[in-house]
N, C-alpha and C. Protein backbone atom coordinates (compact mmCIF):
# COMPACT_ATOMS: atom_id res chain seq x y z
N MET A 1 67.32 59.70 131.37
CA MET A 1 67.79 60.24 131.43
C MET A 1 66.75 61.29 132.03
N PRO A 2 67.55 61.79 133.04
CA PRO A 2 65.83 62.68 134.11
C PRO A 2 66.49 64.63 133.12
N ASP A 3 65.39 65.42 132.88
CA ASP A 3 66.04 66.94 132.84
C ASP A 3 66.76 66.85 133.93
N THR A 4 67.62 68.28 133.62
CA THR A 4 68.66 68.36 135.19
C THR A 4 67.94 70.13 133.63
N PRO A 5 68.61 70.83 134.94
CA PRO A 5 68.63 72.44 134.16
C PRO A 5 69.58 72.78 133.01
N ASP A 6 70.29 71.95 132.34
CA ASP A 6 71.22 71.93 131.29
C ASP A 6 69.75 70.67 129.88
N THR A 7 69.56 70.54 130.38
CA THR A 7 69.25 69.98 129.35
C THR A 7 67.67 70.41 128.82
N ILE A 8 66.31 71.21 130.34
CA ILE A 8 65.79 71.47 129.94
C ILE A 8 65.66 72.83 129.09
N SER A 9 67.66 73.78 129.25
CA SER A 9 67.56 75.01 128.93
C SER A 9 68.19 74.66 126.84
N ASP A 10 68.82 72.88 126.65
CA ASP A 10 68.81 72.57 125.91
C ASP A 10 67.21 72.61 124.44
N THR A 11 66.70 72.08 125.04
CA THR A 11 65.44 71.38 124.86
C THR A 11 64.08 72.53 124.13
N THR A 12 64.59 73.60 125.59
CA THR A 12 62.90 74.16 125.64
C THR A 12 63.38 75.52 124.52
N THR A 13 62.48 75.97 124.04
CA THR A 13 62.27 77.04 123.09
C THR A 13 60.86 77.90 123.36
N ASP A 14 61.79 79.52 122.71
CA ASP A 14 60.53 80.33 123.34
C ASP A 14 59.11 80.14 121.91
N LYS A 15 58.61 79.45 122.95
CA LYS A 15 57.55 79.10 122.40
C LYS A 15 56.30 80.53 121.37
N ARG A 16 56.68 81.52 121.56
CA ARG A 16 55.59 82.85 121.16
C ARG A 16 56.91 83.39 120.59
N ALA A 17 56.76 83.45 119.02
CA ALA A 17 57.42 83.62 117.84
C ALA A 17 57.12 85.43 117.82
N ASP A 18 58.36 85.66 116.87
CA ASP A 18 58.91 87.32 116.69
C ASP A 18 58.06 87.89 116.04
N THR A 19 56.82 88.62 115.88
CA THR A 19 55.75 88.67 115.03
C THR A 19 56.45 90.86 115.31
N GLY A 20 56.05 90.75 114.38
CA GLY A 20 55.94 92.87 113.85
C GLY A 20 54.69 93.26 115.11
N ALA A 21 54.20 92.47 115.03
CA ALA A 21 53.07 92.65 116.30
C ALA A 21 53.45 93.00 117.75
N ASP A 22 53.85 91.64 117.99
CA ASP A 22 54.83 91.69 119.37
C ASP A 22 56.29 93.43 120.02
N ALA A 23 56.62 93.66 118.56
CA ALA A 23 57.00 94.79 118.20
C ALA A 23 56.19 96.19 118.65
N ILE A 24 55.20 96.27 117.63
CA ILE A 24 54.37 96.83 117.75
C ILE A 24 53.50 97.33 119.07
N GLN A 25 53.59 95.83 119.51
CA GLN A 25 52.54 95.93 121.42
C GLN A 25 54.09 96.66 122.45
N ASP A 26 55.15 96.45 122.40
CA ASP A 26 55.94 96.63 122.51
C ASP A 26 56.57 97.45 123.00
N GLY A 27 56.42 98.84 121.41
CA GLY A 27 56.17 99.85 121.42
C GLY A 27 55.80 100.53 121.85
N ALA A 28 54.00 100.41 121.76
CA ALA A 28 53.06 101.04 122.25
C ALA A 28 53.19 100.82 123.49
N ALA A 29 53.75 99.75 124.31
CA ALA A 29 53.62 99.89 126.24
C ALA A 29 54.72 100.68 126.44
N ASP A 30 56.06 101.24 125.32
CA ASP A 30 57.00 102.01 125.83
C ASP A 30 56.69 103.18 125.61
N THR A 31 55.65 103.25 124.99
CA THR A 31 55.24 104.71 124.26
C THR A 31 53.94 105.47 125.87
N ALA A 32 52.99 103.88 126.35
CA ALA A 32 51.95 104.46 126.80
C ALA A 32 52.81 104.45 128.82
N ALA A 33 54.15 104.15 128.58
CA ALA A 33 55.19 104.35 129.88
C ALA A 33 55.81 105.91 129.56
N VAL A 34 56.30 106.32 128.89
CA VAL A 34 57.00 107.65 128.52
C VAL A 34 55.75 108.49 128.69
N ASP A 35 54.51 108.23 127.73
CA ASP A 35 53.30 109.20 128.87
C ASP A 35 52.65 109.12 130.10
N ARG A 36 53.12 108.42 130.82
CA ARG A 36 53.08 107.83 132.17
C ARG A 36 53.76 108.78 133.38
N ILE A 37 54.95 108.70 132.89
CA ILE A 37 56.56 109.37 133.11
C ILE A 37 55.85 111.06 132.96
N ASP A 38 55.78 111.35 131.53
CA ASP A 38 55.61 112.89 131.47
C ASP A 38 54.64 113.50 132.32
N ALA A 39 53.67 112.92 132.73
CA ALA A 39 52.42 113.31 133.01
C ALA A 39 52.89 113.40 134.22
N ALA A 40 53.82 112.47 135.22
CA ALA A 40 54.18 112.32 136.71
C ALA A 40 55.09 113.58 137.14
N ILE A 41 55.49 114.05 135.09
CA ILE A 41 57.33 114.87 135.88
C ILE A 41 55.97 116.31 136.20
N ALA A 42 54.98 116.35 134.52
CA ALA A 42 54.03 117.80 134.58
C ALA A 42 53.71 117.77 136.23
N ARG A 43 53.12 116.45 136.72
CA ARG A 43 51.73 117.08 137.87
C ARG A 43 53.33 117.64 139.18
N ILE A 44 54.30 117.02 139.25
CA ILE A 44 55.53 117.93 140.43
C ILE A 44 56.16 118.64 139.55
N GLU A 45 56.17 119.37 138.72
CA GLU A 45 56.35 120.66 138.26
C GLU A 45 55.05 121.26 138.81
N ALA A 46 53.98 120.25 138.70
CA ALA A 46 52.98 121.93 138.37
C ALA A 46 52.89 121.69 140.20
N ALA A 47 53.06 121.67 140.97
CA ALA A 47 53.07 121.42 142.64
C ALA A 47 54.18 121.76 143.37
N ILE A 48 55.94 122.33 142.34
CA ILE A 48 56.73 122.46 142.59
C ILE A 48 56.37 124.44 142.31
N THR A 49 55.96 124.30 141.83
CA THR A 49 54.67 125.59 141.20
C THR A 49 53.97 126.22 142.64
N ALA A 50 52.69 125.90 142.50
CA ALA A 50 52.19 125.66 143.64
C ALA A 50 53.14 126.16 145.38
N ARG A 51 54.22 124.77 145.58
CA ARG A 51 53.79 125.87 146.93
C ARG A 51 55.47 126.50 146.61
N ALA A 52 56.02 127.13 145.60
CA ALA A 52 56.36 128.03 145.52
C ALA A 52 54.92 129.37 145.75
N ARG A 53 55.06 129.71 145.06
CA ARG A 53 53.74 130.77 144.93
C ARG A 53 52.86 130.68 146.58
N SER A 54 52.35 129.73 147.15
CA SER A 54 52.36 129.53 148.99
C SER A 54 53.51 129.94 149.35
N SER A 55 54.32 129.53 149.19
CA SER A 55 55.99 130.45 149.97
C SER A 55 56.06 131.79 149.80
N ASP A 56 56.13 132.11 149.05
CA ASP A 56 56.13 133.05 148.44
C ASP A 56 55.17 133.98 149.43
N SER A 57 53.36 133.58 149.07
CA SER A 57 52.64 134.18 149.63
C SER A 57 52.95 134.43 151.55
N LEU A 58 52.69 133.38 151.73
CA LEU A 58 53.73 133.02 153.21
C LEU A 58 54.11 134.04 153.79
N ALA A 59 55.57 134.20 153.27
CA ALA A 59 56.79 135.45 153.32
C ALA A 59 55.96 136.29 152.90
N LYS A 60 55.49 137.05 152.30
CA LYS A 60 54.88 138.10 152.43
C LYS A 60 53.25 138.14 153.81
N ARG A 61 53.33 137.66 154.31
CA ARG A 61 51.89 137.51 155.23
C ARG A 61 53.45 138.04 156.35
N HIS A 62 54.02 137.00 156.29
CA HIS A 62 54.98 136.78 157.78
C HIS A 62 55.66 139.17 157.45
N ALA A 63 55.88 139.04 156.99
CA ALA A 63 56.61 140.13 156.56
C ALA A 63 55.39 141.31 157.20
N ALA A 64 54.56 141.32 156.97
CA ALA A 64 53.10 142.84 156.85
C ALA A 64 53.16 142.04 158.03
N LEU A 65 52.87 141.24 159.07
CA LEU A 65 52.57 141.29 160.56
C LEU A 65 53.85 141.33 161.03
N LYS A 66 54.91 140.55 160.97
CA LYS A 66 56.23 141.78 161.39
C LYS A 66 56.31 143.35 162.18
N ALA A 67 55.70 143.27 160.45
CA ALA A 67 55.98 144.96 160.73
C ALA A 67 54.38 145.59 161.54
N ARG A 68 53.83 145.19 161.32
CA ARG A 68 52.37 145.81 162.07
C ARG A 68 53.25 145.33 163.99
N MET A 69 53.52 144.41 164.09
CA MET A 69 54.45 144.08 165.74
C MET A 69 55.51 144.71 165.91
N ALA A 70 56.08 145.31 164.79
CA ALA A 70 56.88 145.96 164.92
C ALA A 70 56.39 147.75 165.44
N GLU A 71 55.13 148.15 164.95
CA GLU A 71 54.53 149.27 165.57
C GLU A 71 53.75 149.02 166.91
N ALA A 72 53.08 148.31 166.90
CA ALA A 72 52.62 148.36 168.01
C ALA A 72 53.19 147.51 168.94
N VAL A 73 54.52 147.05 168.78
CA VAL A 73 55.72 147.67 169.85
C VAL A 73 56.19 149.24 170.71
N ALA A 74 56.13 149.92 169.36
CA ALA A 74 56.90 150.71 169.77
C ALA A 74 55.47 151.43 170.11
N ALA A 75 54.47 151.76 169.19
CA ALA A 75 53.61 152.49 170.38
C ALA A 75 53.52 152.06 171.50
N LEU A 76 53.42 150.82 172.35
CA LEU A 76 53.22 150.22 173.56
C LEU A 76 54.83 151.25 174.47
N ASP A 77 56.07 151.55 173.33
CA ASP A 77 56.81 151.76 174.16
C ASP A 77 56.45 153.41 173.96
N ASP A 78 56.24 154.28 173.31
CA ASP A 78 55.66 155.65 174.16
C ASP A 78 54.69 155.34 174.79
N VAL A 79 54.03 154.75 175.26
CA VAL A 79 52.30 155.23 176.07
C VAL A 79 53.20 154.42 177.91
N ILE A 80 54.12 153.31 178.14
CA ILE A 80 54.60 152.99 178.85
C ILE A 80 55.65 154.49 179.45
N THR A 81 56.44 154.58 177.93
CA THR A 81 57.41 156.07 178.49
C THR A 81 56.21 156.98 179.26
N ARG A 82 55.56 157.42 178.42
CA ARG A 82 54.61 159.06 178.73
C ARG A 82 53.99 158.32 180.30
N GLY A 83 54.01 157.20 180.20
CA GLY A 83 52.87 157.42 181.69
C GLY A 83 54.43 157.63 182.58
N SER A 84 54.98 157.31 182.54
CA SER A 84 56.59 157.02 183.59
C SER A 84 57.08 158.00 184.17
N PRO A 85 56.76 157.88 185.93
CA PRO A 85 57.60 159.36 186.22
C PRO A 85 58.75 159.87 185.87
N ASN A 86 59.59 159.61 185.05
CA ASN A 86 61.48 159.80 184.79
C ASN A 86 61.08 161.03 184.12
């Protein structure tokens, strides 16, 4: 009788015995995966903090530039006003 999926599954067994060593290896792999995920989360959080600081710095620089530009425009207005014949 030829092997069919039904007969193969009936005759095939898992060649690897489920030992305590396998469970330890699986647990170590799980721990390593969790450690990598934790490290990735820490890197993401650090990047978020750095970006927030950079954004705050940019906002402060923008506000300072805007204030200086307002002063420069006001000074130009004064110069134009004093020089006009009105």
